[in-house]
Protein backbone atom coordinates (compact mmCIF):
# COMPACT_ATOMS: atom_id res chain seq x y z
CA MET A 1 -6.00 37.20 44.52
CA GLN A 2 -3.27 34.83 44.21
CA PRO A 3 -2.97 32.09 47.18
CA THR A 4 -1.18 29.06 46.14
CA ARG A 5 -3.36 25.91 46.28
CA ARG A 6 -2.77 22.63 44.03
CA LEU A 7 -5.55 22.55 41.45
CA SER A 8 -7.55 19.87 39.30
CA LEU A 9 -8.50 22.04 36.68
CA ILE A 10 -6.25 22.58 33.63
CA ALA A 11 -7.54 25.43 31.93
CA ALA A 12 -4.19 26.22 30.18
CA LEU A 13 -4.31 23.38 28.12
CA CYS A 14 -6.32 25.54 25.87
CA LEU A 15 -3.37 26.61 24.61
CA LEU A 16 -2.62 23.52 22.67
CA ALA A 17 -5.56 24.55 20.38
CA VAL A 18 -5.11 27.94 19.79
CA PRO A 19 -2.94 28.79 16.88
CA ALA A 20 0.05 30.47 17.48
CA SER A 21 -0.58 33.68 15.96
CA ALA A 22 -3.32 34.24 18.70
CA GLN A 23 -0.64 33.67 21.46
CA VAL A 24 1.35 36.30 23.18
CA THR A 25 4.65 35.04 24.93
CA ALA A 26 6.72 36.46 27.62
CA GLY A 27 8.98 39.99 26.85
CA PRO A 28 9.12 43.28 28.66
CA ARG A 29 6.16 44.45 26.41
CA ALA A 30 4.56 40.67 25.54
CA GLY A 31 4.20 42.06 22.06
CA VAL A 32 2.81 45.19 22.81
CA SER A 33 3.78 48.12 20.89
CA GLU A 34 4.99 51.23 23.03
CA GLU A 35 1.91 53.30 21.72
CA ALA A 36 -0.70 50.58 22.79
CA LEU A 37 1.29 49.97 26.49
CA ALA A 38 1.30 53.61 26.84
CA ALA A 39 -2.53 54.09 26.13
CA GLY A 40 -3.42 50.78 28.29
CA ILE A 41 -1.34 52.11 31.38
CA ALA A 42 -3.39 55.41 30.70
CA ARG A 43 -6.55 53.72 30.84
CA MET A 44 -6.18 51.58 34.38
CA ALA A 45 -8.98 53.53 36.58
CA PRO A 46 -8.08 54.03 40.12
CA HIS A 47 -10.67 52.22 41.92
CA ARG A 48 -12.16 50.45 44.86
CA ALA A 49 -14.05 47.02 44.39
CA ALA A 50 -15.71 45.43 47.32
CA TYR A 51 -16.75 41.86 46.58
CA ARG A 52 -18.95 39.23 48.21
CA LEU A 53 -17.40 35.78 48.24
CA ASP A 54 -19.51 32.41 48.60
CA LEU A 55 -18.83 28.85 47.52
CA GLY A 56 -18.62 28.04 44.22
CA GLU A 57 -17.79 24.34 43.37
CA ALA A 58 -16.92 21.80 46.29
CA ARG A 59 -15.25 18.85 44.78
CA ASN A 60 -15.57 15.78 47.28
CA SER A 61 -13.69 17.96 49.80
CA GLY A 62 -16.18 18.40 52.57
CA ILE A 63 -16.96 21.78 52.80
CA THR A 64 -20.83 23.02 52.71
CA SER A 65 -20.53 26.68 53.11
CA VAL A 66 -18.15 29.75 52.19
CA ARG A 67 -18.70 33.28 53.19
CA GLY A 68 -16.34 36.10 52.98
CA ALA A 69 -15.73 39.69 51.76
CA MET A 70 -12.95 41.28 49.80
CA VAL A 71 -12.02 44.78 49.14
CA PHE A 72 -9.06 45.54 46.77
CA ASP A 73 -8.16 49.33 46.00
CA VAL A 74 -6.01 50.57 43.19
CA ALA A 75 -4.55 53.95 43.61
CA ASP A 76 -2.72 55.92 41.09
CA ALA A 77 0.18 57.18 42.70
CA CYS A 78 1.77 59.28 39.49
CA GLU A 79 4.97 57.21 39.15
CA GLY A 80 3.56 53.97 40.30
CA TRP A 81 0.35 52.20 41.54
CA ALA A 82 -0.46 51.71 45.32
CA THR A 83 -2.50 48.66 45.86
CA ARG A 84 -4.47 47.07 48.90
CA GLN A 85 -6.17 43.71 48.93
CA ARG A 86 -7.97 42.69 52.46
CA MET A 87 -9.49 39.28 52.37
CA THR A 88 -11.74 37.60 54.99
CA LEU A 89 -13.02 34.06 54.37
CA THR A 90 -14.89 31.60 57.06
CA VAL A 91 -14.94 27.83 55.34
CA VAL A 92 -17.65 25.56 56.73
CA ASP A 93 -17.27 22.00 56.66
CA ARG A 94 -19.87 19.09 57.02
CA GLU A 95 -19.05 18.83 60.76
CA GLY A 96 -19.82 22.37 61.16
CA GLN A 97 -16.53 23.66 61.84
CA GLU A 98 -15.52 26.98 60.79
CA ILE A 99 -11.67 27.95 60.00
CA GLU A 100 -11.53 31.96 59.27
CA THR A 101 -8.68 33.04 57.34
CA VAL A 102 -7.93 36.82 57.14
CA SER A 103 -5.21 38.66 54.99
CA ASP A 104 -3.82 41.92 54.11
CA TYR A 105 -1.84 42.36 51.22
CA ALA A 106 -0.14 45.76 49.89
CA THR A 107 2.06 46.73 46.86
CA TYR A 108 3.56 49.81 45.49
CA GLU A 109 4.59 49.04 41.48
CA ALA A 110 6.36 51.26 39.04
CA LYS A 111 4.37 51.66 36.09
CA ASP A 112 7.70 51.02 34.22
CA ASN A 113 7.46 47.35 35.59
CA SER A 114 10.91 48.12 37.33
CA ARG A 115 10.15 47.73 40.78
CA LEU A 116 7.14 46.13 43.39
CA ARG A 117 7.30 46.68 47.09
CA PHE A 118 5.22 44.09 48.54
CA SER A 119 3.63 43.20 52.07
CA LEU A 120 1.51 40.09 52.95
CA THR A 121 0.37 39.24 56.46
CA GLN A 122 -2.01 36.02 56.72
CA SER A 123 -3.83 34.95 59.75
CA THR A 124 -5.63 31.48 60.30
CA GLN A 125 -8.28 31.12 63.68
CA GLY A 126 -6.81 34.49 64.69
CA ALA A 127 -3.19 33.60 64.84
CA VAL A 128 -0.73 34.68 61.88
CA SER A 129 0.30 31.99 59.95
CA GLN A 130 2.24 33.72 56.79
CA ARG A 131 4.22 36.72 56.60
CA VAL A 132 5.73 37.96 53.41
CA SER A 133 7.47 41.27 52.54
CA GLY A 134 10.26 42.83 50.47
CA GLU A 135 11.53 44.47 47.42
CA ALA A 136 11.71 43.15 44.02
CA GLU A 137 13.92 45.19 41.08
CA LEU A 138 13.78 44.45 37.32
CA ARG A 139 15.72 45.35 34.57
CA PRO A 140 14.23 46.44 31.29
CA ASP A 141 14.08 42.87 29.88
CA GLY A 142 11.96 41.96 32.94
CA ALA A 143 15.23 39.92 34.64
CA GLY A 144 16.15 41.13 38.34
CA THR A 145 16.20 40.09 41.84
CA VAL A 146 13.57 40.18 44.79
CA ARG A 147 14.94 40.54 48.09
CA PHE A 148 12.84 39.53 51.45
CA THR A 149 12.97 41.27 54.70
CA ASP A 150 10.33 38.49 55.59
CA PRO A 151 11.98 35.80 55.40
CA ALA A 152 15.00 37.85 56.69
CA GLY A 153 17.98 38.10 54.38
CA GLN A 154 16.43 35.76 51.31
CA GLU A 155 16.94 36.46 47.87
CA GLU A 156 15.68 34.94 44.56
CA THR A 157 16.44 35.63 40.48
CA LEU A 158 13.68 36.56 38.53
CA PRO A 159 13.84 35.33 34.77
CA ALA A 160 13.49 37.61 32.04
CA GLY A 161 10.13 38.59 30.71
CA THR A 162 8.67 39.16 34.61
CA LEU A 163 5.91 40.65 34.75
CA LEU A 164 4.70 42.76 37.94
CA PRO A 165 0.86 42.47 38.71
CA MET A 166 -0.57 45.77 37.40
CA ARG A 167 1.75 45.44 34.29
CA HIS A 168 0.11 42.10 33.89
CA THR A 169 -3.34 43.18 33.83
CA VAL A 170 -2.42 46.03 31.32
CA LEU A 171 -0.65 43.50 28.82
CA ALA A 172 -3.59 40.92 29.35
CA VAL A 173 -6.13 43.74 28.44
CA GLU A 174 -4.16 44.87 25.51
CA ALA A 175 -3.86 41.31 24.26
CA ALA A 176 -7.54 40.93 24.46
CA ARG A 177 -8.47 44.08 22.54
CA ALA A 178 -5.93 43.03 19.83
CA GLY A 179 -7.84 39.66 19.27
CA ARG A 180 -5.08 37.40 20.82
CA ARG A 181 -6.04 34.43 23.13
CA ILE A 182 -3.66 33.84 25.32
CA LEU A 183 -0.90 35.70 27.33
CA SER A 184 2.12 33.59 28.95
CA ALA A 185 4.58 35.03 30.87
CA PRO A 186 6.28 34.58 34.20
CA LEU A 187 4.68 36.72 36.94
CA PHE A 188 5.81 37.88 40.36
CA ASP A 189 3.54 39.38 42.63
CA GLY A 190 4.88 38.95 46.26
CA THR A 191 2.19 36.85 47.60
CA THR A 192 4.63 33.75 48.41
CA ASN A 193 8.63 33.76 49.08
CA GLU A 194 9.14 31.31 45.93
CA GLY A 195 9.99 33.78 43.39
CA ALA A 196 8.19 34.06 40.23
CA GLN A 197 5.50 31.95 38.82
CA ASP A 198 4.95 30.81 35.08
CA THR A 199 1.16 31.87 34.08
CA THR A 200 -0.80 31.29 30.98
CA THR A 201 -3.89 33.60 30.39
CA VAL A 202 -6.38 32.28 28.28
CA ILE A 203 -8.71 35.18 26.76
CA THR A 204 -12.48 34.65 25.45
CA ALA A 205 -13.54 36.87 22.74
CA TRP A 206 -13.63 40.69 23.50
CA SER A 207 -16.86 41.92 23.56
CA ALA A 208 -18.36 45.29 23.13
CA ALA A 209 -20.59 47.12 25.95
CA ALA A 210 -24.02 45.55 26.45
CA GLY A 211 -26.76 46.26 28.10
CA THR A 212 -27.06 48.78 31.38
CA PRO A 213 -24.15 48.20 33.27
CA ARG A 214 -24.54 47.77 37.16
CA PHE A 215 -21.75 50.25 37.80
CA PRO A 216 -20.23 52.99 36.03
CA LEU A 217 -16.74 51.69 36.21
CA ALA A 218 -17.89 48.61 34.52
CA SER A 219 -19.68 50.04 31.36
CA GLY A 220 -17.37 49.65 28.32
CA ALA A 221 -15.90 46.71 26.33
CA SER A 222 -15.19 43.45 28.30
CA GLY A 223 -13.34 39.88 28.34
CA GLN A 224 -13.33 36.90 30.40
CA MET A 225 -10.04 35.63 31.35
CA ARG A 226 -8.56 32.86 33.28
CA ILE A 227 -5.40 32.73 34.74
CA ALA A 228 -3.38 29.42 35.56
CA PHE A 229 -0.41 29.48 37.52
CA PHE A 230 2.55 27.10 37.49
CA GLU A 231 5.29 26.24 39.32
CA ARG A 232 8.40 27.93 37.69
CA GLY A 233 9.34 25.96 34.61
CA GLY A 234 6.40 23.83 34.80
CA SER A 235 3.88 25.94 32.51
CA ALA A 236 1.88 24.25 29.54
CA ALA A 237 4.64 25.75 27.22
CA GLY A 238 7.19 24.42 29.25
CA GLY A 239 5.65 20.94 28.94
CA ALA A 240 3.87 20.09 32.27
CA SER A 241 0.32 20.62 32.26
CA GLN A 242 -1.05 20.76 36.35
CA PRO A 243 -1.29 24.36 37.44
CA GLU A 244 -1.10 25.19 41.02
CA TYR A 245 -3.98 27.93 40.99
CA GLU A 246 -6.38 29.14 38.68
CA VAL A 247 -8.47 32.68 38.87
CA GLY A 248 -11.43 33.38 36.53
CA LEU A 249 -12.57 37.12 36.23
CA ARG A 250 -14.55 39.37 33.76
CA TYR A 251 -11.96 42.41 33.04
CA PHE A 252 -12.98 45.66 31.45
CA GLU A 253 -10.84 47.94 29.30
CA ASN A 254 -9.81 49.94 32.37
CA GLY A 255 -8.59 47.35 34.59
CA VAL A 256 -11.73 46.99 36.63
CA ALA A 257 -13.26 43.16 37.52
CA ASP A 258 -16.72 42.95 38.42
CA ASP A 259 -17.02 38.75 38.66
CA ILE A 260 -13.96 36.95 40.16
CA THR A 261 -13.59 32.91 40.71
CA MET A 262 -10.94 32.09 42.78
CA ASP A 263 -10.28 28.18 42.52
CA PHE A 264 -8.54 26.34 45.32
CA GLY A 265 -8.52 23.07 44.03
CA ASP A 266 -10.86 21.02 46.47
CA PHE A 267 -13.04 24.20 45.93
CA SER A 268 -13.72 27.54 44.26
CA VAL A 269 -14.99 30.77 45.71
CA THR A 270 -16.75 33.20 43.33
CA GLY A 271 -17.04 37.36 44.13
CA ARG A 272 -19.71 39.27 42.79
CA ALA A 273 -18.67 43.26 42.86
CA LEU A 274 -21.08 44.89 45.61
CA GLU A 275 -19.14 48.02 44.94
CA LEU A 276 -17.07 49.57 42.14
CA SER A 277 -16.12 53.28 43.09
CA PRO A 278 -13.55 55.81 41.46
CA LEU A 279 -10.32 56.62 43.95
CA PRO A 280 -8.50 60.25 43.62
CA GLY A 281 -5.08 60.03 42.49
CA GLY A 282 -2.58 60.59 39.94
CA CYS A 283 -0.46 63.53 39.02
């Protein structure tokens, strides 16, 4: 859920108003104990999430409608997670011109945050517009190297404290459960060939389950989060203020998200879950 676009919103500036005791900064476990981390990993639910995508806001962009779909699978592969995200998005402007983008993104991530294999293929109007693939290896402190097979031969250094995508989800949920409001860390997901991005996750209060859930997998406690992505070295904590991209979502304690917002700057796209179903797997 992380295409790179420049944004006009600055949700991460909320960092300035949050007391330091409510913040979690980068590190191998981002301030989470080994026991809490292990429990958080065990709570992650293998599942399939299918979303309908619609236009959220259009900010003087000339966009009149958006339609699309996204399917996100998380499978428990014993020592790691295998994920796949497939998305189709059609954007229509005021002249009626339609632009269709299709992406297919797959990863295998070790549960100890030590390795990520990744592959992304994106097509626009039926022609391949982007390919990214390779493998990242991280040491216990989060520092490491990513070696790309596409673009062939490219290498990037990852800074200490780097988190992989599922580890970031676990830590964001655990930070929310502990009553913290901010998680700041470099994140590498393999969706671009630019290495890690700085991220700041702003978390609202963690809420107990309420009412009748739409899906059994989305029935526990949950919290709203907004993740801002910055060029490396340009996070709010580092002094700059303008994120490149933002994602808003509601996470449940099992890592399932039933509503998402992807903000591309000129416009935003909302995703509402049509299906949340368990997937088999594990040891």
